[in-house]
Amino acid sequence: MTEILEYCLVVMVSSLFVAGSAATYVSFSGFVTGVQFRAASSAVSALAMEALTNGTSRAAVALPPSTISCEGGVLAFASGSRVALEHLSAPCSFDLSVPGGTHEVVFSRNGSGLSMEVG
């Protein structure tokens, strides 16, 4: 009888350990996804601002699967349910879908507007 009780305790403790590990992983992966989104949106915004100042900007940026659009001077970076907006001091009109991975992002100021390419 003692052995059965010991076995049950070992199984319960092991199950709790596995459940705790899974919960920790889910929580941490959500945190990492949020950090990656904020880093990518900050990089895209910084490149857009640099292009407005210097005429052009380019950099290799690690992007999640996302949409980058700009209309009426508002740059929108969206990935999943997250959206980051940046108000620019120039008109723009583009809408790009970007698969996940590292891409070369190029912003150019053309006249009074801003354009973007992703390679």
C-alpha atoms as a PDB file:
ATOM      1  CA  MET A   1       0.000   0.000   0.000  1.00  0.00           C
ATOM      2  CA  THR A   2       2.853   2.364   0.798  1.00  0.00           C
ATOM      3  CA  GLU A   3       4.360   1.774  -2.624  1.00  0.00           C
ATOM      4  CA  ILE A   4       1.108   2.689  -4.358  1.00  0.00           C
ATOM      5  CA  LEU A   5       0.886   5.890  -2.319  1.00  0.00           C
ATOM      6  CA  GLU A   6       4.510   6.760  -3.186  1.00  0.00           C
ATOM      7  CA  TYR A   7       3.838   6.068  -6.863  1.00  0.00           C
ATOM      8  CA  CYS A   8       0.748   8.331  -6.811  1.00  0.00           C
ATOM      9  CA  LEU A   9       2.737  11.120  -5.170  1.00  0.00           C
ATOM     10  CA  VAL A  10       5.505  10.825  -7.762  1.00  0.00           C
ATOM     11  CA  VAL A  11       2.984  10.936 -10.605  1.00  0.00           C
ATOM     12  CA  MET A  12       1.221  13.971  -9.081  1.00  0.00           C
ATOM     13  CA  VAL A  13       4.447  15.890  -8.523  1.00  0.00           C
ATOM     14  CA  SER A  14       5.638  15.059 -12.037  1.00  0.00           C
ATOM     15  CA  SER A  15       2.317  16.225 -13.507  1.00  0.00           C
ATOM     16  CA  LEU A  16       2.492  19.494 -11.590  1.00  0.00           C
ATOM     17  CA  PHE A  17       6.050  20.034 -12.765  1.00  0.00           C
ATOM     18  CA  VAL A  18       5.062  19.466 -16.410  1.00  0.00           C
ATOM     19  CA  ALA A  19       2.021  21.751 -16.111  1.00  0.00           C
ATOM     20  CA  GLY A  20       4.119  24.478 -14.474  1.00  0.00           C
ATOM     21  CA  SER A  21       6.760  24.190 -17.169  1.00  0.00           C
ATOM     22  CA  ALA A  22       4.158  24.459 -19.929  1.00  0.00           C
ATOM     23  CA  ALA A  23       2.575  27.527 -18.311  1.00  0.00           C
ATOM     24  CA  THR A  24       5.985  29.168 -17.935  1.00  0.00           C
ATOM     25  CA  TYR A  25       6.830  28.472 -21.586  1.00  0.00           C
ATOM     26  CA  VAL A  26       3.541  29.940 -22.839  1.00  0.00           C
ATOM     27  CA  SER A  27       4.006  33.042 -20.707  1.00  0.00           C
ATOM     28  CA  PHE A  28       7.623  33.520 -21.766  1.00  0.00           C
ATOM     29  CA  SER A  29       6.937  32.970 -25.477  1.00  0.00           C
ATOM     30  CA  GLY A  30       4.236  35.667 -25.356  1.00  0.00           C
ATOM     31  CA  PHE A  31       6.713  38.033 -23.698  1.00  0.00           C
ATOM     32  CA  VAL A  32       9.380  37.302 -26.342  1.00  0.00           C
ATOM     33  CA  THR A  33       6.897  37.842 -29.180  1.00  0.00           C
ATOM     34  CA  GLY A  34       5.977  41.230 -27.702  1.00  0.00           C
ATOM     35  CA  VAL A  35       9.626  42.262 -27.403  1.00  0.00           C
ATOM     36  CA  GLN A  36      10.324  41.199 -30.993  1.00  0.00           C
ATOM     37  CA  PHE A  37       7.308  43.192 -32.220  1.00  0.00           C
ATOM     38  CA  ARG A  38       8.388  46.332 -30.358  1.00  0.00           C
ATOM     39  CA  ALA A  39      11.962  46.014 -31.654  1.00  0.00           C
ATOM     40  CA  ALA A  40      10.818  45.595 -35.267  1.00  0.00           C
ATOM     41  CA  SER A  41       8.290  48.450 -35.104  1.00  0.00           C
ATOM     42  CA  SER A  42      10.889  50.750 -33.519  1.00  0.00           C
ATOM     43  CA  ALA A  43      13.411  49.895 -36.243  1.00  0.00           C
ATOM     44  CA  VAL A  44      10.888  50.595 -39.017  1.00  0.00           C
ATOM     45  CA  SER A  45       9.835  53.897 -37.416  1.00  0.00           C
ATOM     46  CA  ALA A  46      13.447  54.987 -36.915  1.00  0.00           C
ATOM     47  CA  LEU A  47      14.262  54.233 -40.564  1.00  0.00           C
ATOM     48  CA  ALA A  48      11.238  56.252 -41.726  1.00  0.00           C
ATOM     49  CA  MET A  49      12.262  59.237 -39.580  1.00  0.00           C
ATOM     50  CA  GLU A  50      15.858  58.985 -40.808  1.00  0.00           C
ATOM     51  CA  ALA A  51      14.668  59.032 -44.427  1.00  0.00           C
ATOM     52  CA  LEU A  52      12.626  62.170 -43.754  1.00  0.00           C
ATOM     53  CA  THR A  53      15.749  63.847 -42.379  1.00  0.00           C
ATOM     54  CA  ASN A  54      18.432  62.487 -44.737  1.00  0.00           C
ATOM     55  CA  GLY A  55      16.458  61.668 -47.892  1.00  0.00           C
ATOM     56  CA  THR A  56      17.004  57.901 -47.664  1.00  0.00           C
ATOM     57  CA  SER A  57      17.636  55.127 -45.154  1.00  0.00           C
ATOM     58  CA  ARG A  58      18.229  51.409 -45.365  1.00  0.00           C
ATOM     59  CA  ALA A  59      18.955  48.571 -42.974  1.00  0.00           C
ATOM     60  CA  ALA A  60      18.543  44.832 -42.573  1.00  0.00           C
ATOM     61  CA  VAL A  61      15.707  44.311 -40.090  1.00  0.00           C
ATOM     62  CA  ALA A  62      14.386  41.063 -38.558  1.00  0.00           C
ATOM     63  CA  LEU A  63      10.621  41.304 -39.071  1.00  0.00           C
ATOM     64  CA  PRO A  64       7.804  39.030 -37.959  1.00  0.00           C
ATOM     65  CA  PRO A  65       5.122  38.243 -40.566  1.00  0.00           C
ATOM     66  CA  SER A  66       3.601  41.692 -40.793  1.00  0.00           C
ATOM     67  CA  THR A  67       1.939  44.459 -42.752  1.00  0.00           C
ATOM     68  CA  ILE A  68       3.582  47.864 -43.097  1.00  0.00           C
ATOM     69  CA  SER A  69       1.347  50.590 -44.440  1.00  0.00           C
ATOM     70  CA  CYS A  70       1.285  54.342 -44.562  1.00  0.00           C
ATOM     71  CA  GLU A  71      -1.578  56.628 -45.454  1.00  0.00           C
ATOM     72  CA  GLY A  72      -1.952  60.330 -44.817  1.00  0.00           C
ATOM     73  CA  GLY A  73       1.279  60.582 -42.844  1.00  0.00           C
ATOM     74  CA  VAL A  74       0.498  57.730 -40.434  1.00  0.00           C
ATOM     75  CA  LEU A  75       2.879  54.759 -40.574  1.00  0.00           C
ATOM     76  CA  ALA A  76       1.251  51.540 -39.319  1.00  0.00           C
ATOM     77  CA  PHE A  77       3.198  48.387 -38.444  1.00  0.00           C
ATOM     78  CA  ALA A  78       0.909  45.409 -37.743  1.00  0.00           C
ATOM     79  CA  SER A  79       1.699  41.824 -36.808  1.00  0.00           C
ATOM     80  CA  GLY A  80      -0.981  39.486 -35.538  1.00  0.00           C
ATOM     81  CA  SER A  81      -3.153  41.426 -33.102  1.00  0.00           C
ATOM     82  CA  ARG A  82      -0.477  44.052 -32.401  1.00  0.00           C
ATOM     83  CA  VAL A  83      -0.375  47.430 -34.167  1.00  0.00           C
ATOM     84  CA  ALA A  84       2.100  50.299 -33.771  1.00  0.00           C
ATOM     85  CA  LEU A  85       1.390  53.736 -35.259  1.00  0.00           C
ATOM     86  CA  GLU A  86       3.862  56.534 -35.977  1.00  0.00           C
ATOM     87  CA  HIS A  87       2.801  59.996 -37.147  1.00  0.00           C
ATOM     88  CA  LEU A  88       5.157  61.293 -39.834  1.00  0.00           C
ATOM     89  CA  SER A  89       5.682  64.836 -41.016  1.00  0.00           C
ATOM     90  CA  ALA A  90       5.263  63.863 -44.672  1.00  0.00           C
ATOM     91  CA  PRO A  91       2.510  62.310 -46.784  1.00  0.00           C
ATOM     92  CA  CYS A  92       2.855  58.675 -47.801  1.00  0.00           C
ATOM     93  CA  SER A  93       0.869  55.988 -49.533  1.00  0.00           C
ATOM     94  CA  PHE A  94       1.999  52.369 -49.463  1.00  0.00           C
ATOM     95  CA  ASP A  95       0.796  49.014 -48.139  1.00  0.00           C
ATOM     96  CA  LEU A  96       3.208  46.060 -47.982  1.00  0.00           C
ATOM     97  CA  SER A  97       2.791  42.517 -46.665  1.00  0.00           C
ATOM     98  CA  VAL A  98       6.091  41.136 -45.388  1.00  0.00           C
ATOM     99  CA  PRO A  99       6.808  37.477 -44.622  1.00  0.00           C
ATOM    100  CA  GLY A 100       8.783  36.789 -41.462  1.00  0.00           C
ATOM    101  CA  GLY A 101      12.580  36.897 -41.605  1.00  0.00           C
ATOM    102  CA  THR A 102      15.394  39.351 -42.123  1.00  0.00           C
ATOM    103  CA  HIS A 103      14.673  41.857 -44.882  1.00  0.00           C
ATOM    104  CA  GLU A 104      16.398  44.924 -46.261  1.00  0.00           C
ATOM    105  CA  VAL A 105      14.074  47.847 -45.579  1.00  0.00           C
ATOM    106  CA  VAL A 106      14.577  50.998 -47.675  1.00  0.00           C
ATOM    107  CA  PHE A 107      12.776  54.307 -47.142  1.00  0.00           C
ATOM    108  CA  SER A 108      13.140  57.182 -49.612  1.00  0.00           C
ATOM    109  CA  ARG A 109      11.853  60.718 -49.515  1.00  0.00           C
ATOM    110  CA  ASN A 110      10.546  61.613 -52.963  1.00  0.00           C
ATOM    111  CA  GLY A 111       9.592  65.263 -53.192  1.00  0.00           C
ATOM    112  CA  SER A 112       7.431  65.899 -50.176  1.00  0.00           C
ATOM    113  CA  GLY A 113       6.366  62.240 -49.685  1.00  0.00           C
ATOM    114  CA  LEU A 114       7.854  59.021 -48.361  1.00  0.00           C
ATOM    115  CA  SER A 115       8.109  55.655 -50.120  1.00  0.00           C
ATOM    116  CA  MET A 116       9.218  52.238 -48.884  1.00  0.00           C
ATOM    117  CA  GLU A 117      10.688  49.058 -50.372  1.00  0.00           C
ATOM    118  CA  VAL A 118      11.313  45.723 -48.697  1.00  0.00           C
ATOM    119  CA  GLY A 119      13.820  43.345 -50.222  1.00  0.00           C
END
